[in-house]
PDB file of N, CA and C in Angstrom:
ATOM      1  N   MET A   1     -29.616 175.436  54.582  1.00  0.00           N
ATOM      2  CA  MET A   1     -30.820 175.479  54.257  1.00  0.00           C
ATOM      3  C   MET A   1     -31.395 174.534  54.291  1.00  0.00           C
ATOM      4  N   ARG A   2     -30.846 172.974  53.198  1.00  0.00           N
ATOM      5  CA  ARG A   2     -30.419 171.860  52.915  1.00  0.00           C
ATOM      6  C   ARG A   2     -30.777 171.080  54.405  1.00  0.00           C
ATOM      7  N   ASN A   3     -29.711 171.332  54.677  1.00  0.00           N
ATOM      8  CA  ASN A   3     -29.139 170.371  56.026  1.00  0.00           C
ATOM      9  C   ASN A   3     -30.834 170.584  57.056  1.00  0.00           C
ATOM     10  N   THR A   4     -30.999 171.599  56.776  1.00  0.00           N
ATOM     11  CA  THR A   4     -32.424 171.780  57.878  1.00  0.00           C
ATOM     12  C   THR A   4     -33.220 170.978  57.391  1.00  0.00           C
ATOM     13  N   ILE A   5     -33.714 171.012  56.103  1.00  0.00           N
ATOM     14  CA  ILE A   5     -34.724 169.885  55.062  1.00  0.00           C
ATOM     15  C   ILE A   5     -34.779 168.567  55.096  1.00  0.00           C
ATOM     16  N   ARG A   6     -33.224 168.104  55.077  1.00  0.00           N
ATOM     17  CA  ARG A   6     -32.638 166.955  54.969  1.00  0.00           C
ATOM     18  C   ARG A   6     -33.070 166.239  56.790  1.00  0.00           C
ATOM     19  N   THR A   7     -32.275 167.006  57.561  1.00  0.00           N
ATOM     20  CA  THR A   7     -32.900 166.642  59.383  1.00  0.00           C
ATOM     21  C   THR A   7     -34.685 166.809  59.600  1.00  0.00           C
ATOM     22  N   ASN A   8     -35.288 167.210  58.906  1.00  0.00           N
ATOM     23  CA  ASN A   8     -36.667 166.869  58.980  1.00  0.00           C
ATOM     24  C   ASN A   8     -37.838 166.236  58.257  1.00  0.00           C
ATOM     25  N   ARG A   9     -36.351 165.848  57.504  1.00  0.00           N
ATOM     26  CA  ARG A   9     -37.085 164.640  56.522  1.00  0.00           C
ATOM     27  C   ARG A   9     -36.659 163.266  56.993  1.00  0.00           C
ATOM     28  N   ARG A  10     -35.718 163.162  58.152  1.00  0.00           N
ATOM     29  CA  ARG A  10     -35.256 162.158  58.812  1.00  0.00           C
ATOM     30  C   ARG A  10     -35.965 161.889  59.998  1.00  0.00           C
ATOM     31  N   GLY A  11     -36.254 163.486  60.785  1.00  0.00           N
ATOM     32  CA  GLY A  11     -36.788 163.355  61.929  1.00  0.00           C
ATOM     33  C   GLY A  11     -38.194 162.499  61.481  1.00  0.00           C
ATOM     34  N   GLY A  12     -38.901 163.002  60.726  1.00  0.00           N
ATOM     35  CA  GLY A  12     -40.124 162.602  60.335  1.00  0.00           C
ATOM     36  C   GLY A  12     -40.393 161.243  59.696  1.00  0.00           C
ATOM     37  N   ALA A  13     -39.312 160.881  59.119  1.00  0.00           N
ATOM     38  CA  ALA A  13     -39.061 159.302  59.221  1.00  0.00           C
ATOM     39  C   ALA A  13     -38.972 158.937  60.258  1.00  0.00           C
ATOM     40  N   LEU A  14     -38.176 159.108  61.169  1.00  0.00           N
ATOM     41  CA  LEU A  14     -37.964 158.606  62.512  1.00  0.00           C
ATOM     42  C   LEU A  14     -39.388 158.283  63.353  1.00  0.00           C
ATOM     43  N   ARG A  15     -40.154 159.490  63.019  1.00  0.00           N
ATOM     44  CA  ARG A  15     -40.968 159.484  63.771  1.00  0.00           C
ATOM     45  C   ARG A  15     -41.882 158.581  63.446  1.00  0.00           C
ATOM     46  N   ARG A  16     -42.386 158.153  62.263  1.00  0.00           N
ATOM     47  CA  ARG A  16     -42.910 157.678  61.468  1.00  0.00           C
ATOM     48  C   ARG A  16     -43.205 156.136  61.945  1.00  0.00           C
ATOM     49  N   THR A  17     -41.639 155.945  61.392  1.00  0.00           N
ATOM     50  CA  THR A  17     -41.008 154.263  61.817  1.00  0.00           C
ATOM     51  C   THR A  17     -41.245 153.826  63.339  1.00  0.00           C
ATOM     52  N   ALA A  18     -41.537 154.769  64.182  1.00  0.00           N
ATOM     53  CA  ALA A  18     -41.852 154.976  65.722  1.00  0.00           C
ATOM     54  C   ALA A  18     -42.779 154.351  65.795  1.00  0.00           C
ATOM     55  N   ALA A  19     -43.669 155.723  65.690  1.00  0.00           N
ATOM     56  CA  ALA A  19     -45.028 155.115  65.413  1.00  0.00           C
ATOM     57  C   ALA A  19     -45.400 153.896  65.059  1.00  0.00           C
ATOM     58  N   ALA A  20     -44.937 153.568  63.665  1.00  0.00           N
ATOM     59  CA  ALA A  20     -45.751 152.054  63.144  1.00  0.00           C
ATOM     60  C   ALA A  20     -45.377 150.966  64.302  1.00  0.00           C
ATOM     61  N   ALA A  21     -43.733 151.226  64.723  1.00  0.00           N
ATOM     62  CA  ALA A  21     -43.494 149.978  66.067  1.00  0.00           C
ATOM     63  C   ALA A  21     -44.331 150.317  67.045  1.00  0.00           C
ATOM     64  N   SER A  22     -44.626 151.414  66.992  1.00  0.00           N
ATOM     65  CA  SER A  22     -45.838 151.122  68.884  1.00  0.00           C
ATOM     66  C   SER A  22     -46.841 150.601  68.436  1.00  0.00           C
ATOM     67  N   LEU A  23     -47.254 150.713  67.249  1.00  0.00           N
ATOM     68  CA  LEU A  23     -48.686 150.272  67.116  1.00  0.00           C
ATOM     69  C   LEU A  23     -48.770 148.976  67.224  1.00  0.00           C
ATOM     70  N   THR A  24     -47.644 148.518  66.170  1.00  0.00           N
ATOM     71  CA  THR A  24     -47.425 146.899  66.066  1.00  0.00           C
ATOM     72  C   THR A  24     -47.580 146.649  67.606  1.00  0.00           C
ATOM     73  N   LEU A  25     -46.791 146.512  68.215  1.00  0.00           N
ATOM     74  CA  LEU A  25     -46.461 146.572  69.685  1.00  0.00           C
ATOM     75  C   LEU A  25     -47.695 146.368  70.383  1.00  0.00           C
ATOM     76  N   ILE A  26     -48.632 147.394  70.145  1.00  0.00           N
ATOM     77  CA  ILE A  26     -49.766 148.041  70.980  1.00  0.00           C
ATOM     78  C   ILE A  26     -50.575 146.738  70.323  1.00  0.00           C
ATOM     79  N   ALA A  27     -50.748 146.342  69.289  1.00  0.00           N
ATOM     80  CA  ALA A  27     -51.576 145.264  68.259  1.00  0.00           C
ATOM     81  C   ALA A  27     -50.936 143.881  69.040  1.00  0.00           C
ATOM     82  N   ALA A  28     -50.185 143.614  69.270  1.00  0.00           N
ATOM     83  CA  ALA A  28     -49.562 142.743  69.795  1.00  0.00           C
ATOM     84  C   ALA A  28     -50.482 142.233  70.913  1.00  0.00           C
ATOM     85  N   ALA A  29     -49.958 143.201  71.926  1.00  0.00           N
ATOM     86  CA  ALA A  29     -50.006 143.177  73.586  1.00  0.00           C
ATOM     87  C   ALA A  29     -51.723 143.452  73.707  1.00  0.00           C
ATOM     88  N   VAL A  30     -52.434 143.429  72.855  1.00  0.00           N
ATOM     89  CA  VAL A  30     -53.824 143.872  73.149  1.00  0.00           C
ATOM     90  C   VAL A  30     -54.587 142.591  73.297  1.00  0.00           C
ATOM     91  N   PRO A  31     -54.439 141.612  72.845  1.00  0.00           N
ATOM     92  CA  PRO A  31     -54.986 140.348  72.990  1.00  0.00           C
ATOM     93  C   PRO A  31     -54.368 139.576  74.020  1.00  0.00           C
ATOM     94  N   VAL A  32     -53.201 139.335  74.438  1.00  0.00           N
ATOM     95  CA  VAL A  32     -52.607 138.922  75.386  1.00  0.00           C
ATOM     96  C   VAL A  32     -53.621 139.891  76.672  1.00  0.00           C
ATOM     97  N   ALA A  33     -53.041 141.188  76.245  1.00  0.00           N
ATOM     98  CA  ALA A  33     -54.201 141.564  78.076  1.00  0.00           C
ATOM     99  C   ALA A  33     -55.103 141.378  78.361  1.00  0.00           C
ATOM    100  N   LEU A  34     -56.272 140.707  77.378  1.00  0.00           N
ATOM    101  CA  LEU A  34     -57.363 141.224  77.074  1.00  0.00           C
ATOM    102  C   LEU A  34     -58.247 139.277  77.208  1.00  0.00           C
ATOM    103  N   ALA A  35     -56.850 138.267  76.985  1.00  0.00           N
ATOM    104  CA  ALA A  35     -57.046 136.881  76.890  1.00  0.00           C
ATOM    105  C   ALA A  35     -57.427 136.521  78.598  1.00  0.00           C
ATOM    106  N   THR A  36     -58.720 135.779  78.603  1.00  0.00           N
ATOM    107  CA  THR A  36     -58.667 135.034  80.000  1.00  0.00           C
ATOM    108  C   THR A  36     -57.936 134.253  80.045  1.00  0.00           C
ATOM    109  N   PRO A  37     -57.829 133.555  81.592  1.00  0.00           N
ATOM    110  CA  PRO A  37     -57.065 132.818  82.601  1.00  0.00           C
ATOM    111  C   PRO A  37     -57.650 131.400  81.697  1.00  0.00           C
ATOM    112  N   ALA A  38     -56.243 130.331  81.416  1.00  0.00           N
ATOM    113  CA  ALA A  38     -56.593 129.186  81.328  1.00  0.00           C
ATOM    114  C   ALA A  38     -58.316 128.913  82.250  1.00  0.00           C
ATOM    115  N   SER A  39     -58.851 127.593  81.330  1.00  0.00           N
ATOM    116  CA  SER A  39     -59.765 127.510  82.362  1.00  0.00           C
ATOM    117  C   SER A  39     -59.780 126.357  83.039  1.00  0.00           C
ATOM    118  N   ALA A  40     -58.550 125.888  83.311  1.00  0.00           N
ATOM    119  CA  ALA A  40     -58.495 124.796  84.351  1.00  0.00           C
ATOM    120  C   ALA A  40     -59.137 125.266  85.697  1.00  0.00           C
ATOM    121  N   SER A  41     -59.270 124.280  86.224  1.00  0.00           N
ATOM    122  CA  SER A  41     -60.236 124.249  87.765  1.00  0.00           C
ATOM    123  C   SER A  41     -59.714 123.584  88.397  1.00  0.00           C
ATOM    124  N   PRO A  42     -59.709 123.289  89.959  1.00  0.00           N
ATOM    125  CA  PRO A  42     -59.660 122.200  91.213  1.00  0.00           C
ATOM    126  C   PRO A  42     -60.560 121.539  90.535  1.00  0.00           C
ATOM    127  N   SER A  43     -61.929 121.439  89.723  1.00  0.00           N
ATOM    128  CA  SER A  43     -62.848 120.331  89.555  1.00  0.00           C
ATOM    129  C   SER A  43     -62.033 119.410  88.742  1.00  0.00           C
ATOM    130  N   ASP A  44     -61.088 120.218  87.934  1.00  0.00           N
ATOM    131  CA  ASP A  44     -60.463 119.354  87.001  1.00  0.00           C
ATOM    132  C   ASP A  44     -59.348 118.009  87.447  1.00  0.00           C
ATOM    133  N   CYS A  45     -58.644 118.769  87.986  1.00  0.00           N
ATOM    134  CA  CYS A  45     -58.088 117.920  89.270  1.00  0.00           C
ATOM    135  C   CYS A  45     -58.565 116.850  89.722  1.00  0.00           C
ATOM    136  N   THR A  46     -59.793 117.544  90.454  1.00  0.00           N
ATOM    137  CA  THR A  46     -60.417 116.054  91.201  1.00  0.00           C
ATOM    138  C   THR A  46     -60.879 115.502  90.327  1.00  0.00           C
ATOM    139  N   ALA A  47     -61.554 115.517  89.238  1.00  0.00           N
ATOM    140  CA  ALA A  47     -62.041 114.774  88.341  1.00  0.00           C
ATOM    141  C   ALA A  47     -61.083 113.419  88.010  1.00  0.00           C
ATOM    142  N   TYR A  48     -60.328 114.421  87.318  1.00  0.00           N
ATOM    143  CA  TYR A  48     -58.977 113.275  87.157  1.00  0.00           C
ATOM    144  C   TYR A  48     -58.526 112.108  87.844  1.00  0.00           C
ATOM    145  N   LEU A  49     -58.477 112.811  89.369  1.00  0.00           N
ATOM    146  CA  LEU A  49     -58.459 111.923  90.300  1.00  0.00           C
ATOM    147  C   LEU A  49     -59.472 110.502  90.481  1.00  0.00           C
ATOM    148  N   LYS A  50     -60.456 111.102  90.108  1.00  0.00           N
ATOM    149  CA  LYS A  50     -61.943 111.088  90.703  1.00  0.00           C
ATOM    150  C   LYS A  50     -61.866 108.957  89.667  1.00  0.00           C
ATOM    151  N   GLY A  51     -61.648 110.003  88.159  1.00  0.00           N
ATOM    152  CA  GLY A  51     -61.669 108.817  87.392  1.00  0.00           C
ATOM    153  C   GLY A  51     -59.721 107.826  87.666  1.00  0.00           C
ATOM    154  N   ARG A  52     -58.960 108.002  87.404  1.00  0.00           N
ATOM    155  CA  ARG A  52     -58.204 107.043  88.134  1.00  0.00           C
ATOM    156  C   ARG A  52     -58.579 106.176  89.578  1.00  0.00           C
ATOM    157  N   GLY A  53     -59.525 106.315  90.065  1.00  0.00           N
ATOM    158  CA  GLY A  53     -59.968 105.105  91.947  1.00  0.00           C
ATOM    159  C   GLY A  53     -59.540 106.062  92.615  1.00  0.00           C
ATOM    160  N   TYR A  54     -59.522 107.384  92.554  1.00  0.00           N
ATOM    161  CA  TYR A  54     -59.389 108.399  93.819  1.00  0.00           C
ATOM    162  C   TYR A  54     -60.688 108.543  94.360  1.00  0.00           C
ATOM    163  N   THR A  55     -60.551 108.327  96.146  1.00  0.00           N
ATOM    164  CA  THR A  55     -61.689 109.240  96.722  1.00  0.00           C
ATOM    165  C   THR A  55     -61.669 110.104  97.246  1.00  0.00           C
ATOM    166  N   ILE A  56     -62.686 111.125  96.545  1.00  0.00           N
ATOM    167  CA  ILE A  56     -62.244 112.651  96.338  1.00  0.00           C
ATOM    168  C   ILE A  56     -62.737 113.150  97.858  1.00  0.00           C
ATOM    169  N   GLY A  57     -62.025 113.461  98.662  1.00  0.00           N
ATOM    170  CA  GLY A  57     -62.050 114.074  99.981  1.00  0.00           C
ATOM    171  C   GLY A  57     -62.079 115.260 100.724  1.00  0.00           C
ATOM    172  N   SER A  58     -61.780 115.525 101.550  1.00  0.00           N
ATOM    173  CA  SER A  58     -61.319 116.736 101.627  1.00  0.00           C
ATOM    174  C   SER A  58     -59.873 117.942 101.509  1.00  0.00           C
ATOM    175  N   GLY A  59     -59.045 116.458 101.936  1.00  0.00           N
ATOM    176  CA  GLY A  59     -57.943 116.642 101.233  1.00  0.00           C
ATOM    177  C   GLY A  59     -57.702 116.714 100.258  1.00  0.00           C
ATOM    178  N   VAL A  60     -58.055 115.727  98.993  1.00  0.00           N
ATOM    179  CA  VAL A  60     -57.913 116.328  97.709  1.00  0.00           C
ATOM    180  C   VAL A  60     -58.392 117.124  97.220  1.00  0.00           C
ATOM    181  N   LYS A  61     -59.529 117.962  97.604  1.00  0.00           N
ATOM    182  CA  LYS A  61     -59.973 118.846  97.347  1.00  0.00           C
ATOM    183  C   LYS A  61     -59.063 120.317  97.892  1.00  0.00           C
ATOM    184  N   LYS A  62     -58.363 120.284  98.974  1.00  0.00           N
ATOM    185  CA  LYS A  62     -57.200 121.231  99.323  1.00  0.00           C
ATOM    186  C   LYS A  62     -56.737 121.424  99.232  1.00  0.00           C
ATOM    187  N   ALA A  63     -55.694 120.124  98.004  1.00  0.00           N
ATOM    188  CA  ALA A  63     -54.337 120.022  97.296  1.00  0.00           C
ATOM    189  C   ALA A  63     -54.263 120.527  95.877  1.00  0.00           C
ATOM    190  N   CYS A  64     -56.181 120.576  95.371  1.00  0.00           N
ATOM    191  CA  CYS A  64     -56.553 120.927  94.046  1.00  0.00           C
ATOM    192  C   CYS A  64     -56.470 122.357  94.114  1.00  0.00           C
ATOM    193  N   ALA A  65     -57.029 123.112  95.092  1.00  0.00           N
ATOM    194  CA  ALA A  65     -57.599 124.417  95.131  1.00  0.00           C
ATOM    195  C   ALA A  65     -55.753 125.305  95.123  1.00  0.00           C
ATOM    196  N   ALA A  66     -55.146 124.544  95.873  1.00  0.00           N
ATOM    197  CA  ALA A  66     -53.835 125.120  96.726  1.00  0.00           C
ATOM    198  C   ALA A  66     -53.230 125.257  95.416  1.00  0.00           C
ATOM    199  N   ALA A  67     -53.451 124.287  94.354  1.00  0.00           N
ATOM    200  CA  ALA A  67     -52.666 124.296  92.953  1.00  0.00           C
ATOM    201  C   ALA A  67     -53.257 125.967  91.711  1.00  0.00           C
ATOM    202  N   ALA A  68     -54.890 125.860  92.416  1.00  0.00           N
ATOM    203  CA  ALA A  68     -55.777 126.530  91.429  1.00  0.00           C
ATOM    204  C   ALA A  68     -55.202 128.082  91.609  1.00  0.00           C
ATOM    205  N   ASN A  69     -54.921 128.516  93.090  1.00  0.00           N
ATOM    206  CA  ASN A  69     -54.779 129.581  93.519  1.00  0.00           C
ATOM    207  C   ASN A  69     -53.600 129.946  93.966  1.00  0.00           C
ATOM    208  N   ILE A  70     -52.637 129.642  94.346  1.00  0.00           N
ATOM    209  CA  ILE A  70     -51.307 129.883  94.704  1.00  0.00           C
ATOM    210  C   ILE A  70     -50.550 129.913  93.034  1.00  0.00           C
ATOM    211  N   PRO A  71     -50.125 131.255  92.633  1.00  0.00           N
ATOM    212  CA  PRO A  71     -49.659 130.705  91.372  1.00  0.00           C
ATOM    213  C   PRO A  71     -48.313 130.228  90.973  1.00  0.00           C
ATOM    214  N   GLY A  72     -48.497 130.068  89.897  1.00  0.00           N
ATOM    215  CA  GLY A  72     -46.998 128.990  89.646  1.00  0.00           C
ATOM    216  C   GLY A  72     -46.103 128.040  90.308  1.00  0.00           C
ATOM    217  N   PRO A  73     -45.198 127.505  90.150  1.00  0.00           N
ATOM    218  CA  PRO A  73     -44.435 126.535  90.860  1.00  0.00           C
ATOM    219  C   PRO A  73     -45.183 126.110  91.769  1.00  0.00           C
ATOM    220  N   VAL A  74     -44.827 127.127  92.703  1.00  0.00           N
ATOM    221  CA  VAL A  74     -45.337 127.268  94.439  1.00  0.00           C
ATOM    222  C   VAL A  74     -46.841 126.462  94.668  1.00  0.00           C
ATOM    223  N   GLY A  75     -47.612 126.499  93.988  1.00  0.00           N
ATOM    224  CA  GLY A  75     -49.161 126.395  94.130  1.00  0.00           C
ATOM    225  C   GLY A  75     -48.806 124.812  93.286  1.00  0.00           C
ATOM    226  N   ASP A  76     -48.326 124.018  92.584  1.00  0.00           N
ATOM    227  CA  ASP A  76     -48.268 122.893  92.229  1.00  0.00           C
ATOM    228  C   ASP A  76     -47.464 122.205  93.013  1.00  0.00           C
ATOM    229  N   ASP A  77     -46.834 122.809  93.511  1.00  0.00           N
ATOM    230  CA  ASP A  77     -45.884 122.038  94.197  1.00  0.00           C
ATOM    231  C   ASP A  77     -46.482 121.864  96.188  1.00  0.00           C
ATOM    232  N   ALA A  78     -47.307 122.597  96.253  1.00  0.00           N
ATOM    233  CA  ALA A  78     -48.200 122.351  97.154  1.00  0.00           C
ATOM    234  C   ALA A  78     -49.043 121.066  97.130  1.00  0.00           C
ATOM    235  N   CYS A  79     -49.744 121.644  96.089  1.00  0.00           N
ATOM    236  CA  CYS A  79     -50.599 120.524  95.035  1.00  0.00           C
ATOM    237  C   CYS A  79     -50.579 119.553  95.275  1.00  0.00           C
ATOM    238  N   TRP A  80     -48.994 118.958  94.890  1.00  0.00           N
ATOM    239  CA  TRP A  80     -48.396 117.239  94.672  1.00  0.00           C
ATOM    240  C   TRP A  80     -47.961 116.930  96.055  1.00  0.00           C
ATOM    241  N   LYS A  81     -47.188 118.058  96.621  1.00  0.00           N
ATOM    242  CA  LYS A  81     -46.969 117.316  98.434  1.00  0.00           C
ATOM    243  C   LYS A  81     -48.117 116.778  98.843  1.00  0.00           C
ATOM    244  N   GLU A  82     -49.052 117.102  99.086  1.00  0.00           N
ATOM    245  CA  GLU A  82     -50.372 117.116 100.188  1.00  0.00           C
ATOM    246  C   GLU A  82     -50.737 116.162  99.031  1.00  0.00           C
ATOM    247  N   LEU A  83     -51.043 115.747  97.379  1.00  0.00           N
ATOM    248  CA  LEU A  83     -51.073 114.712  97.321  1.00  0.00           C
ATOM    249  C   LEU A  83     -50.855 113.605  97.709  1.00  0.00           C
ATOM    250  N   LEU A  84     -49.567 113.564  97.450  1.00  0.00           N
ATOM    251  CA  LEU A  84     -48.508 112.619  97.770  1.00  0.00           C
ATOM    252  C   LEU A  84     -48.636 112.029  99.543  1.00  0.00           C
ATOM    253  N   ASP A  85     -48.775 112.544 100.544  1.00  0.00           N
ATOM    254  CA  ASP A  85     -49.541 112.855 101.954  1.00  0.00           C
ATOM    255  C   ASP A  85     -50.534 112.099 101.819  1.00  0.00           C
ATOM    256  N   LEU A  86     -51.348 112.418 100.771  1.00  0.00           N
ATOM    257  CA  LEU A  86     -52.366 111.354 100.679  1.00  0.00           C
ATOM    258  C   LEU A  86     -52.386 109.774 100.045  1.00  0.00           C
ATOM    259  N   HIS A  87     -51.714 109.778  99.668  1.00  0.00           N
ATOM    260  CA  HIS A  87     -50.863 108.299  98.972  1.00  0.00           C
ATOM    261  C   HIS A  87     -51.638 108.304  97.254  1.00  0.00           C
ATOM    262  N   VAL A  88     -51.515 109.417  97.058  1.00  0.00           N
ATOM    263  CA  VAL A  88     -51.480 109.552  95.452  1.00  0.00           C
ATOM    264  C   VAL A  88     -50.622 109.186  95.075  1.00  0.00           C
ATOM    265  N   LYS A  89     -50.574 108.097  93.717  1.00  0.00           N
ATOM    266  CA  LYS A  89     -49.308 108.072  92.573  1.00  0.00           C
ATOM    267  C   LYS A  89     -48.500 109.049  92.176  1.00  0.00           C
ATOM    268  N   GLY A  90     -47.503 109.302  92.596  1.00  0.00           N
ATOM    269  CA  GLY A  90     -46.511 110.678  91.796  1.00  0.00           C
ATOM    270  C   GLY A  90     -47.238 110.834  90.170  1.00  0.00           C
ATOM    271  N   ASP A  91     -46.895 109.711  89.512  1.00  0.00           N
ATOM    272  CA  ASP A  91     -47.493 110.699  87.978  1.00  0.00           C
ATOM    273  C   ASP A  91     -48.513 111.181  87.748  1.00  0.00           C
ATOM    274  N   TYR A  92     -49.694 110.206  88.823  1.00  0.00           N
ATOM    275  CA  TYR A  92     -51.026 110.944  89.339  1.00  0.00           C
ATOM    276  C   TYR A  92     -51.088 112.264  89.942  1.00  0.00           C
ATOM    277  N   ALA A  93     -50.465 111.807  90.628  1.00  0.00           N
ATOM    278  CA  ALA A  93     -50.448 114.107  91.453  1.00  0.00           C
ATOM    279  C   ALA A  93     -49.598 115.021  90.427  1.00  0.00           C
ATOM    280  N   ILE A  94     -48.917 114.958  89.620  1.00  0.00           N
ATOM    281  CA  ILE A  94     -48.280 115.586  89.090  1.00  0.00           C
ATOM    282  C   ILE A  94     -48.843 116.238  88.005  1.00  0.00           C
ATOM    283  N   LYS A  95     -49.694 115.102  87.534  1.00  0.00           N
ATOM    284  CA  LYS A  95     -50.811 115.600  86.169  1.00  0.00           C
ATOM    285  C   LYS A  95     -51.998 116.080  86.694  1.00  0.00           C
ATOM    286  N   ALA A  96     -52.530 115.970  87.937  1.00  0.00           N
ATOM    287  CA  ALA A  96     -53.662 116.481  88.622  1.00  0.00           C
ATOM    288  C   ALA A  96     -53.474 117.837  88.902  1.00  0.00           C
ATOM    289  N   CYS A  97     -52.301 118.063  89.877  1.00  0.00           N
ATOM    290  CA  CYS A  97     -51.776 119.521  90.139  1.00  0.00           C
ATOM    291  C   CYS A  97     -51.498 120.366  88.743  1.00  0.00           C
ATOM    292  N   GLY A  98     -51.808 119.841  87.708  1.00  0.00           N
ATOM    293  CA  GLY A  98     -51.009 120.707  86.544  1.00  0.00           C
ATOM    294  C   GLY A  98     -52.670 120.976  85.953  1.00  0.00           C
ATOM    295  N   LEU A  99     -53.543 119.989  86.247  1.00  0.00           N
ATOM    296  CA  LEU A  99     -55.136 120.340  85.520  1.00  0.00           C
ATOM    297  C   LEU A  99     -55.752 121.307  86.334  1.00  0.00           C
ATOM    298  N   ALA A 100     -54.968 122.165  87.413  1.00  0.00           N
ATOM    299  CA  ALA A 100     -55.874 122.727  88.497  1.00  0.00           C
ATOM    300  C   ALA A 100     -55.629 123.750  88.045  1.00  0.00           C
TER     301      ALA A 100
END
């Protein structure tokens, strides 16, 4: 009988520990899941380039939109290549695409 009681107590402690761990993970995950995406946009990209003296035409807008609309480094790379083709200085292109 004592073995049964000890097993139940251990099982209860294990369940409480698992429940506490689950609640901790949920509490940590909720803010991440509900967070809004970064507030950067193609307009941040174009404003940066305009501030550096570049004319903002359809090509620049298209490049900045690529960085904003294609997730991850693929979008940044597409943006960067398009801006370089438009003769934007490399450092400026990298910074502008990172802002989009």
